[in-house]
Amino acid sequence: MAPNDRDQPGEQALTSSVLIPSLRRTDALEACLSSIAQQHTPPTEVLVIWQGDDTATCETAGAKKGGFPVPLRVLHCEELGIVA
């Protein structure tokens, strides 16, 4: 299905979620979110997972929520380690 065909009657729209686990890499998170925001066919939602006491990641993602082109959820995982 071509991206422009998503609204045709009888066609089911594709959905996608982007999960971004991040730990103390705010510059990389900023670049990632910027890239996602510029996509021709954006995802349905973006979820940023911040871990432990890494409030800088939480603040960086939270600052983008208001002007982000798709729903952006910021979730906390208290334990450090692999989350995705």
PDB file of N, CA and C in Angstrom:
ATOM      1  N   MET A   1       0.842  -1.168   0.000  1.00  0.00           N
ATOM      2  CA  MET A   1       0.000   0.000   0.000  1.00  0.00           C
ATOM      3  C   MET A   1       0.892   1.238   0.000  1.00  0.00           C
ATOM      4  N   ALA A   2       0.679   2.119  -0.924  1.00  0.00           N
ATOM      5  CA  ALA A   2       1.442   3.359  -0.991  1.00  0.00           C
ATOM      6  C   ALA A   2       1.003   4.287   0.131  1.00  0.00           C
ATOM      7  N   PRO A   3       1.920   5.158   0.641  1.00  0.00           N
ATOM      8  CA  PRO A   3       1.564   6.043   1.747  1.00  0.00           C
ATOM      9  C   PRO A   3       0.335   6.894   1.485  1.00  0.00           C
ATOM     10  N   ASN A   4       0.120   7.319   0.241  1.00  0.00           N
ATOM     11  CA  ASN A   4      -1.022   8.173  -0.062  1.00  0.00           C
ATOM     12  C   ASN A   4      -2.330   7.402  -0.165  1.00  0.00           C
ATOM     13  N   ASP A   5      -2.267   6.086  -0.164  1.00  0.00           N
ATOM     14  CA  ASP A   5      -3.468   5.266  -0.290  1.00  0.00           C
ATOM     15  C   ASP A   5      -4.089   4.924   1.059  1.00  0.00           C
ATOM     16  N   ARG A   6      -3.532   5.414   2.147  1.00  0.00           N
ATOM     17  CA  ARG A   6      -3.992   5.015   3.468  1.00  0.00           C
ATOM     18  C   ARG A   6      -5.428   5.430   3.760  1.00  0.00           C
ATOM     19  N   ASP A   7      -5.930   6.459   3.119  1.00  0.00           N
ATOM     20  CA  ASP A   7      -7.273   6.941   3.410  1.00  0.00           C
ATOM     21  C   ASP A   7      -8.321   6.459   2.416  1.00  0.00           C
ATOM     22  N   GLN A   8      -7.975   5.513   1.573  1.00  0.00           N
ATOM     23  CA  GLN A   8      -8.915   4.988   0.599  1.00  0.00           C
ATOM     24  C   GLN A   8      -9.951   4.110   1.299  1.00  0.00           C
ATOM     25  N   PRO A   9     -11.218   4.177   0.894  1.00  0.00           N
ATOM     26  CA  PRO A   9     -12.241   3.320   1.491  1.00  0.00           C
ATOM     27  C   PRO A   9     -11.857   1.847   1.382  1.00  0.00           C
ATOM     28  N   GLY A  10     -12.060   1.109   2.446  1.00  0.00           N
ATOM     29  CA  GLY A  10     -11.778  -0.311   2.444  1.00  0.00           C
ATOM     30  C   GLY A  10     -10.336  -0.658   2.755  1.00  0.00           C
ATOM     31  N   GLU A  11      -9.464   0.323   2.798  1.00  0.00           N
ATOM     32  CA  GLU A  11      -8.057   0.083   3.112  1.00  0.00           C
ATOM     33  C   GLU A  11      -7.834   0.317   4.599  1.00  0.00           C
ATOM     34  N   GLN A  12      -7.058  -0.549   5.212  1.00  0.00           N
ATOM     35  CA  GLN A  12      -6.724  -0.382   6.619  1.00  0.00           C
ATOM     36  C   GLN A  12      -5.422   0.390   6.731  1.00  0.00           C
ATOM     37  N   ALA A  13      -5.422   1.460   7.524  1.00  0.00           N
ATOM     38  CA  ALA A  13      -4.230   2.277   7.692  1.00  0.00           C
ATOM     39  C   ALA A  13      -3.165   1.502   8.468  1.00  0.00           C
ATOM     40  N   LEU A  14      -1.929   1.660   8.051  1.00  0.00           N
ATOM     41  CA  LEU A  14      -0.816   1.063   8.770  1.00  0.00           C
ATOM     42  C   LEU A  14      -0.524   1.891  10.010  1.00  0.00           C
ATOM     43  N   THR A  15      -0.174   1.228  11.090  1.00  0.00           N
ATOM     44  CA  THR A  15       0.223   1.927  12.299  1.00  0.00           C
ATOM     45  C   THR A  15       1.598   1.437  12.724  1.00  0.00           C
ATOM     46  N   SER A  16       2.329   2.296  13.398  1.00  0.00           N
ATOM     47  CA  SER A  16       3.642   1.911  13.917  1.00  0.00           C
ATOM     48  C   SER A  16       3.946   2.730  15.158  1.00  0.00           C
ATOM     49  N   SER A  17       4.687   2.121  16.042  1.00  0.00           N
ATOM     50  CA  SER A  17       5.166   2.798  17.244  1.00  0.00           C
ATOM     51  C   SER A  17       6.680   2.764  17.225  1.00  0.00           C
ATOM     52  N   VAL A  18       7.291   3.853  17.660  1.00  0.00           N
ATOM     53  CA  VAL A  18       8.744   3.912  17.774  1.00  0.00           C
ATOM     54  C   VAL A  18       9.071   3.956  19.261  1.00  0.00           C
ATOM     55  N   LEU A  19       9.884   3.011  19.718  1.00  0.00           N
ATOM     56  CA  LEU A  19      10.307   2.923  21.110  1.00  0.00           C
ATOM     57  C   LEU A  19      11.769   3.352  21.194  1.00  0.00           C
ATOM     58  N   ILE A  20      12.042   4.364  22.012  1.00  0.00           N
ATOM     59  CA  ILE A  20      13.399   4.887  22.147  1.00  0.00           C
ATOM     60  C   ILE A  20      13.836   4.756  23.608  1.00  0.00           C
ATOM     61  N   PRO A  21      14.579   3.705  23.939  1.00  0.00           N
ATOM     62  CA  PRO A  21      15.156   3.645  25.284  1.00  0.00           C
ATOM     63  C   PRO A  21      16.391   4.554  25.316  1.00  0.00           C
ATOM     64  N   SER A  22      16.507   5.359  26.347  1.00  0.00           N
ATOM     65  CA  SER A  22      17.616   6.309  26.382  1.00  0.00           C
ATOM     66  C   SER A  22      18.141   6.446  27.805  1.00  0.00           C
ATOM     67  N   LEU A  23      19.452   6.537  27.919  1.00  0.00           N
ATOM     68  CA  LEU A  23      20.097   6.727  29.217  1.00  0.00           C
ATOM     69  C   LEU A  23      21.267   7.680  29.040  1.00  0.00           C
ATOM     70  N   ARG A  24      21.064   8.896  29.506  1.00  0.00           N
ATOM     71  CA  ARG A  24      22.119   9.927  29.513  1.00  0.00           C
ATOM     72  C   ARG A  24      22.727  10.204  28.131  1.00  0.00           C
ATOM     73  N   ARG A  25      21.880  10.211  27.117  1.00  0.00           N
ATOM     74  CA  ARG A  25      22.351  10.539  25.765  1.00  0.00           C
ATOM     75  C   ARG A  25      21.396  11.555  25.137  1.00  0.00           C
ATOM     76  N   THR A  26      21.262  12.700  25.773  1.00  0.00           N
ATOM     77  CA  THR A  26      20.282  13.685  25.341  1.00  0.00           C
ATOM     78  C   THR A  26      20.548  14.216  23.938  1.00  0.00           C
ATOM     79  N   ASP A  27      21.824  14.350  23.560  1.00  0.00           N
ATOM     80  CA  ASP A  27      22.130  14.826  22.194  1.00  0.00           C
ATOM     81  C   ASP A  27      21.625  13.835  21.152  1.00  0.00           C
ATOM     82  N   ALA A  28      21.851  12.554  21.391  1.00  0.00           N
ATOM     83  CA  ALA A  28      21.383  11.526  20.464  1.00  0.00           C
ATOM     84  C   ALA A  28      19.850  11.461  20.459  1.00  0.00           C
ATOM     85  N   LEU A  29      19.241  11.644  21.614  1.00  0.00           N
ATOM     86  CA  LEU A  29      17.780  11.650  21.689  1.00  0.00           C
ATOM     87  C   LEU A  29      17.201  12.818  20.896  1.00  0.00           C
ATOM     88  N   GLU A  30      17.798  13.991  21.053  1.00  0.00           N
ATOM     89  CA  GLU A  30      17.352  15.172  20.285  1.00  0.00           C
ATOM     90  C   GLU A  30      17.425  14.896  18.786  1.00  0.00           C
ATOM     91  N   ALA A  31      18.536  14.328  18.329  1.00  0.00           N
ATOM     92  CA  ALA A  31      18.716  14.027  16.902  1.00  0.00           C
ATOM     93  C   ALA A  31      17.697  13.000  16.430  1.00  0.00           C
ATOM     94  N   CYS A  32      17.461  11.989  17.244  1.00  0.00           N
ATOM     95  CA  CYS A  32      16.501  10.940  16.887  1.00  0.00           C
ATOM     96  C   CYS A  32      15.086  11.521  16.766  1.00  0.00           C
ATOM     97  N   LEU A  33      14.673  12.306  17.757  1.00  0.00           N
ATOM     98  CA  LEU A  33      13.334  12.895  17.719  1.00  0.00           C
ATOM     99  C   LEU A  33      13.186  13.862  16.552  1.00  0.00           C
ATOM    100  N   SER A  34      14.231  14.607  16.258  1.00  0.00           N
ATOM    101  CA  SER A  34      14.199  15.533  15.118  1.00  0.00           C
ATOM    102  C   SER A  34      14.021  14.767  13.811  1.00  0.00           C
ATOM    103  N   SER A  35      14.726  13.665  13.677  1.00  0.00           N
ATOM    104  CA  SER A  35      14.617  12.845  12.475  1.00  0.00           C
ATOM    105  C   SER A  35      13.210  12.261  12.325  1.00  0.00           C
ATOM    106  N   ILE A  36      12.666  11.774  13.410  1.00  0.00           N
ATOM    107  CA  ILE A  36      11.310  11.206  13.376  1.00  0.00           C
ATOM    108  C   ILE A  36      10.297  12.275  12.996  1.00  0.00           C
ATOM    109  N   ALA A  37      10.453  13.469  13.534  1.00  0.00           N
ATOM    110  CA  ALA A  37       9.515  14.561  13.250  1.00  0.00           C
ATOM    111  C   ALA A  37       9.529  14.970  11.783  1.00  0.00           C
ATOM    112  N   GLN A  38      10.616  14.694  11.079  1.00  0.00           N
ATOM    113  CA  GLN A  38      10.739  15.086   9.675  1.00  0.00           C
ATOM    114  C   GLN A  38      10.357  13.980   8.694  1.00  0.00           C
ATOM    115  N   GLN A  39       9.944  12.843   9.184  1.00  0.00           N
ATOM    116  CA  GLN A  39       9.602  11.718   8.313  1.00  0.00           C
ATOM    117  C   GLN A  39       8.405  12.052   7.424  1.00  0.00           C
ATOM    118  N   HIS A  40       8.463  11.614   6.190  1.00  0.00           N
ATOM    119  CA  HIS A  40       7.347  11.812   5.260  1.00  0.00           C
ATOM    120  C   HIS A  40       6.110  11.048   5.733  1.00  0.00           C
ATOM    121  N   THR A  41       6.305   9.840   6.190  1.00  0.00           N
ATOM    122  CA  THR A  41       5.222   9.031   6.761  1.00  0.00           C
ATOM    123  C   THR A  41       5.581   8.781   8.224  1.00  0.00           C
ATOM    124  N   PRO A  42       5.038   9.587   9.129  1.00  0.00           N
ATOM    125  CA  PRO A  42       5.427   9.477  10.534  1.00  0.00           C
ATOM    126  C   PRO A  42       4.810   8.249  11.208  1.00  0.00           C
ATOM    127  N   PRO A  43       5.393   7.843  12.326  1.00  0.00           N
ATOM    128  CA  PRO A  43       4.800   6.741  13.078  1.00  0.00           C
ATOM    129  C   PRO A  43       3.501   7.191  13.740  1.00  0.00           C
ATOM    130  N   THR A  44       2.758   6.245  14.255  1.00  0.00           N
ATOM    131  CA  THR A  44       1.518   6.549  14.963  1.00  0.00           C
ATOM    132  C   THR A  44       1.808   7.193  16.315  1.00  0.00           C
ATOM    133  N   GLU A  45       2.875   6.747  16.958  1.00  0.00           N
ATOM    134  CA  GLU A  45       3.263   7.287  18.257  1.00  0.00           C
ATOM    135  C   GLU A  45       4.754   7.054  18.480  1.00  0.00           C
ATOM    136  N   VAL A  46       5.307   7.826  19.428  1.00  0.00           N
ATOM    137  CA  VAL A  46       6.699   7.663  19.835  1.00  0.00           C
ATOM    138  C   VAL A  46       6.711   7.527  21.354  1.00  0.00           C
ATOM    139  N   LEU A  47       7.447   6.529  21.834  1.00  0.00           N
ATOM    140  CA  LEU A  47       7.584   6.319  23.270  1.00  0.00           C
ATOM    141  C   LEU A  47       9.059   6.434  23.634  1.00  0.00           C
ATOM    142  N   VAL A  48       9.369   7.331  24.548  1.00  0.00           N
ATOM    143  CA  VAL A  48      10.731   7.490  25.051  1.00  0.00           C
ATOM    144  C   VAL A  48      10.757   6.906  26.460  1.00  0.00           C
ATOM    145  N   ILE A  49      11.687   5.985  26.699  1.00  0.00           N
ATOM    146  CA  ILE A  49      11.834   5.355  28.003  1.00  0.00           C
ATOM    147  C   ILE A  49      13.090   5.912  28.653  1.00  0.00           C
ATOM    148  N   TRP A  50      12.919   6.545  29.816  1.00  0.00           N
ATOM    149  CA  TRP A  50      14.090   7.005  30.563  1.00  0.00           C
ATOM    150  C   TRP A  50      14.244   6.134  31.793  1.00  0.00           C
ATOM    151  N   GLN A  51      15.491   5.984  32.235  1.00  0.00           N
ATOM    152  CA  GLN A  51      15.789   5.012  33.266  1.00  0.00           C
ATOM    153  C   GLN A  51      16.416   5.647  34.509  1.00  0.00           C
ATOM    154  N   GLY A  52      16.172   5.002  35.656  1.00  0.00           N
ATOM    155  CA  GLY A  52      16.817   5.393  36.901  1.00  0.00           C
ATOM    156  C   GLY A  52      16.622   6.856  37.235  1.00  0.00           C
ATOM    157  N   ASP A  53      17.732   7.530  37.531  1.00  0.00           N
ATOM    158  CA  ASP A  53      17.688   8.937  37.935  1.00  0.00           C
ATOM    159  C   ASP A  53      18.018   9.892  36.784  1.00  0.00           C
ATOM    160  N   ASP A  54      17.911   9.429  35.558  1.00  0.00           N
ATOM    161  CA  ASP A  54      18.282  10.210  34.368  1.00  0.00           C
ATOM    162  C   ASP A  54      17.199  11.234  34.030  1.00  0.00           C
ATOM    163  N   THR A  55      17.062  12.259  34.857  1.00  0.00           N
ATOM    164  CA  THR A  55      16.022  13.264  34.637  1.00  0.00           C
ATOM    165  C   THR A  55      16.298  14.120  33.400  1.00  0.00           C
ATOM    166  N   ALA A  56      17.558  14.224  32.962  1.00  0.00           N
ATOM    167  CA  ALA A  56      17.865  15.017  31.766  1.00  0.00           C
ATOM    168  C   ALA A  56      17.165  14.443  30.537  1.00  0.00           C
ATOM    169  N   THR A  57      17.138  13.118  30.418  1.00  0.00           N
ATOM    170  CA  THR A  57      16.433  12.484  29.302  1.00  0.00           C
ATOM    171  C   THR A  57      14.937  12.764  29.396  1.00  0.00           C
ATOM    172  N   CYS A  58      14.393  12.647  30.595  1.00  0.00           N
ATOM    173  CA  CYS A  58      12.967  12.925  30.799  1.00  0.00           C
ATOM    174  C   CYS A  58      12.637  14.356  30.402  1.00  0.00           C
ATOM    175  N   GLU A  59      13.462  15.306  30.825  1.00  0.00           N
ATOM    176  CA  GLU A  59      13.219  16.718  30.514  1.00  0.00           C
ATOM    177  C   GLU A  59      13.369  16.999  29.018  1.00  0.00           C
ATOM    178  N   THR A  60      14.358  16.388  28.387  1.00  0.00           N
ATOM    179  CA  THR A  60      14.576  16.586  26.946  1.00  0.00           C
ATOM    180  C   THR A  60      13.370  16.103  26.147  1.00  0.00           C
ATOM    181  N   ALA A  61      12.904  14.898  26.446  1.00  0.00           N
ATOM    182  CA  ALA A  61      11.748  14.352  25.734  1.00  0.00           C
ATOM    183  C   ALA A  61      10.483  15.129  26.077  1.00  0.00           C
ATOM    184  N   GLY A  62      10.315  15.465  27.333  1.00  0.00           N
ATOM    185  CA  GLY A  62       9.123  16.201  27.763  1.00  0.00           C
ATOM    186  C   GLY A  62       9.002  17.559  27.104  1.00  0.00           C
ATOM    187  N   ALA A  63      10.139  18.203  26.851  1.00  0.00           N
ATOM    188  CA  ALA A  63      10.126  19.522  26.206  1.00  0.00           C
ATOM    189  C   ALA A  63       9.636  19.446  24.764  1.00  0.00           C
ATOM    190  N   LYS A  64       9.730  18.288  24.140  1.00  0.00           N
ATOM    191  CA  LYS A  64       9.304  18.112  22.740  1.00  0.00           C
ATOM    192  C   LYS A  64       7.821  17.784  22.606  1.00  0.00           C
ATOM    193  N   LYS A  65       7.182  17.365  23.689  1.00  0.00           N
ATOM    194  CA  LYS A  65       5.814  16.844  23.604  1.00  0.00           C
ATOM    195  C   LYS A  65       4.819  17.825  22.976  1.00  0.00           C
ATOM    196  N   GLY A  66       4.876  19.077  23.358  1.00  0.00           N
ATOM    197  CA  GLY A  66       3.888  20.043  22.903  1.00  0.00           C
ATOM    198  C   GLY A  66       3.867  20.269  21.401  1.00  0.00           C
ATOM    199  N   GLY A  67       5.015  20.334  20.778  1.00  0.00           N
ATOM    200  CA  GLY A  67       5.062  20.625  19.354  1.00  0.00           C
ATOM    201  C   GLY A  67       5.373  19.435  18.474  1.00  0.00           C
ATOM    202  N   PHE A  68       5.354  18.244  19.045  1.00  0.00           N
ATOM    203  CA  PHE A  68       5.711  17.060  18.262  1.00  0.00           C
ATOM    204  C   PHE A  68       4.540  16.680  17.354  1.00  0.00           C
ATOM    205  N   PRO A  69       4.815  16.242  16.117  1.00  0.00           N
ATOM    206  CA  PRO A  69       3.742  15.992  15.147  1.00  0.00           C
ATOM    207  C   PRO A  69       2.888  14.745  15.419  1.00  0.00           C
ATOM    208  N   VAL A  70       3.337  13.866  16.300  1.00  0.00           N
ATOM    209  CA  VAL A  70       2.564  12.672  16.665  1.00  0.00           C
ATOM    210  C   VAL A  70       2.592  12.556  18.182  1.00  0.00           C
ATOM    211  N   PRO A  71       1.695  11.760  18.768  1.00  0.00           N
ATOM    212  CA  PRO A  71       1.738  11.590  20.220  1.00  0.00           C
ATOM    213  C   PRO A  71       3.117  11.110  20.679  1.00  0.00           C
ATOM    214  N   LEU A  72       3.646  11.791  21.689  1.00  0.00           N
ATOM    215  CA  LEU A  72       4.954  11.468  22.263  1.00  0.00           C
ATOM    216  C   LEU A  72       4.740  11.169  23.735  1.00  0.00           C
ATOM    217  N   ARG A  73       5.013   9.935  24.118  1.00  0.00           N
ATOM    218  CA  ARG A  73       4.854   9.516  25.509  1.00  0.00           C
ATOM    219  C   ARG A  73       6.227   9.333  26.129  1.00  0.00           C
ATOM    220  N   VAL A  74       6.373   9.800  27.362  1.00  0.00           N
ATOM    221  CA  VAL A  74       7.623   9.684  28.091  1.00  0.00           C
ATOM    222  C   VAL A  74       7.365   8.785  29.290  1.00  0.00           C
ATOM    223  N   LEU A  75       8.034   7.635  29.302  1.00  0.00           N
ATOM    224  CA  LEU A  75       7.785   6.619  30.325  1.00  0.00           C
ATOM    225  C   LEU A  75       9.048   6.383  31.146  1.00  0.00           C
ATOM    226  N   HIS A  76       8.868   6.045  32.421  1.00  0.00           N
ATOM    227  CA  HIS A  76       9.999   5.828  33.318  1.00  0.00           C
ATOM    228  C   HIS A  76      10.150   4.356  33.682  1.00  0.00           C
ATOM    229  N   CYS A  77      11.385   3.887  33.659  1.00  0.00           N
ATOM    230  CA  CYS A  77      11.740   2.552  34.114  1.00  0.00           C
ATOM    231  C   CYS A  77      12.758   2.750  35.241  1.00  0.00           C
ATOM    232  N   GLU A  78      12.389   2.362  36.455  1.00  0.00           N
ATOM    233  CA  GLU A  78      13.262   2.621  37.600  1.00  0.00           C
ATOM    234  C   GLU A  78      14.565   1.842  37.543  1.00  0.00           C
ATOM    235  N   GLU A  79      14.534   0.646  37.005  1.00  0.00           N
ATOM    236  CA  GLU A  79      15.725  -0.189  36.970  1.00  0.00           C
ATOM    237  C   GLU A  79      16.550   0.092  35.726  1.00  0.00           C
ATOM    238  N   LEU A  80      17.856   0.146  35.905  1.00  0.00           N
ATOM    239  CA  LEU A  80      18.755   0.322  34.771  1.00  0.00           C
ATOM    240  C   LEU A  80      18.913  -1.011  34.058  1.00  0.00           C
ATOM    241  N   GLY A  81      19.145  -0.953  32.767  1.00  0.00           N
ATOM    242  CA  GLY A  81      19.344  -2.172  31.986  1.00  0.00           C
ATOM    243  C   GLY A  81      18.630  -2.078  30.657  1.00  0.00           C
ATOM    244  N   ILE A  82      18.513  -3.193  29.988  1.00  0.00           N
ATOM    245  CA  ILE A  82      17.876  -3.249  28.681  1.00  0.00           C
ATOM    246  C   ILE A  82      16.361  -3.173  28.854  1.00  0.00           C
ATOM    247  N   VAL A  83      15.744  -2.214  28.152  1.00  0.00           N
ATOM    248  CA  VAL A  83      14.293  -2.041  28.273  1.00  0.00           C
ATOM    249  C   VAL A  83      13.554  -2.361  26.978  1.00  0.00           C
ATOM    250  N   ALA A  84      14.276  -2.604  25.919  1.00  0.00           N
ATOM    251  CA  ALA A  84      13.598  -2.915  24.649  1.00  0.00           C
ATOM    252  C   ALA A  84      14.216  -4.127  24.014  1.00  0.00           C
TER     253      ALA A  84
END
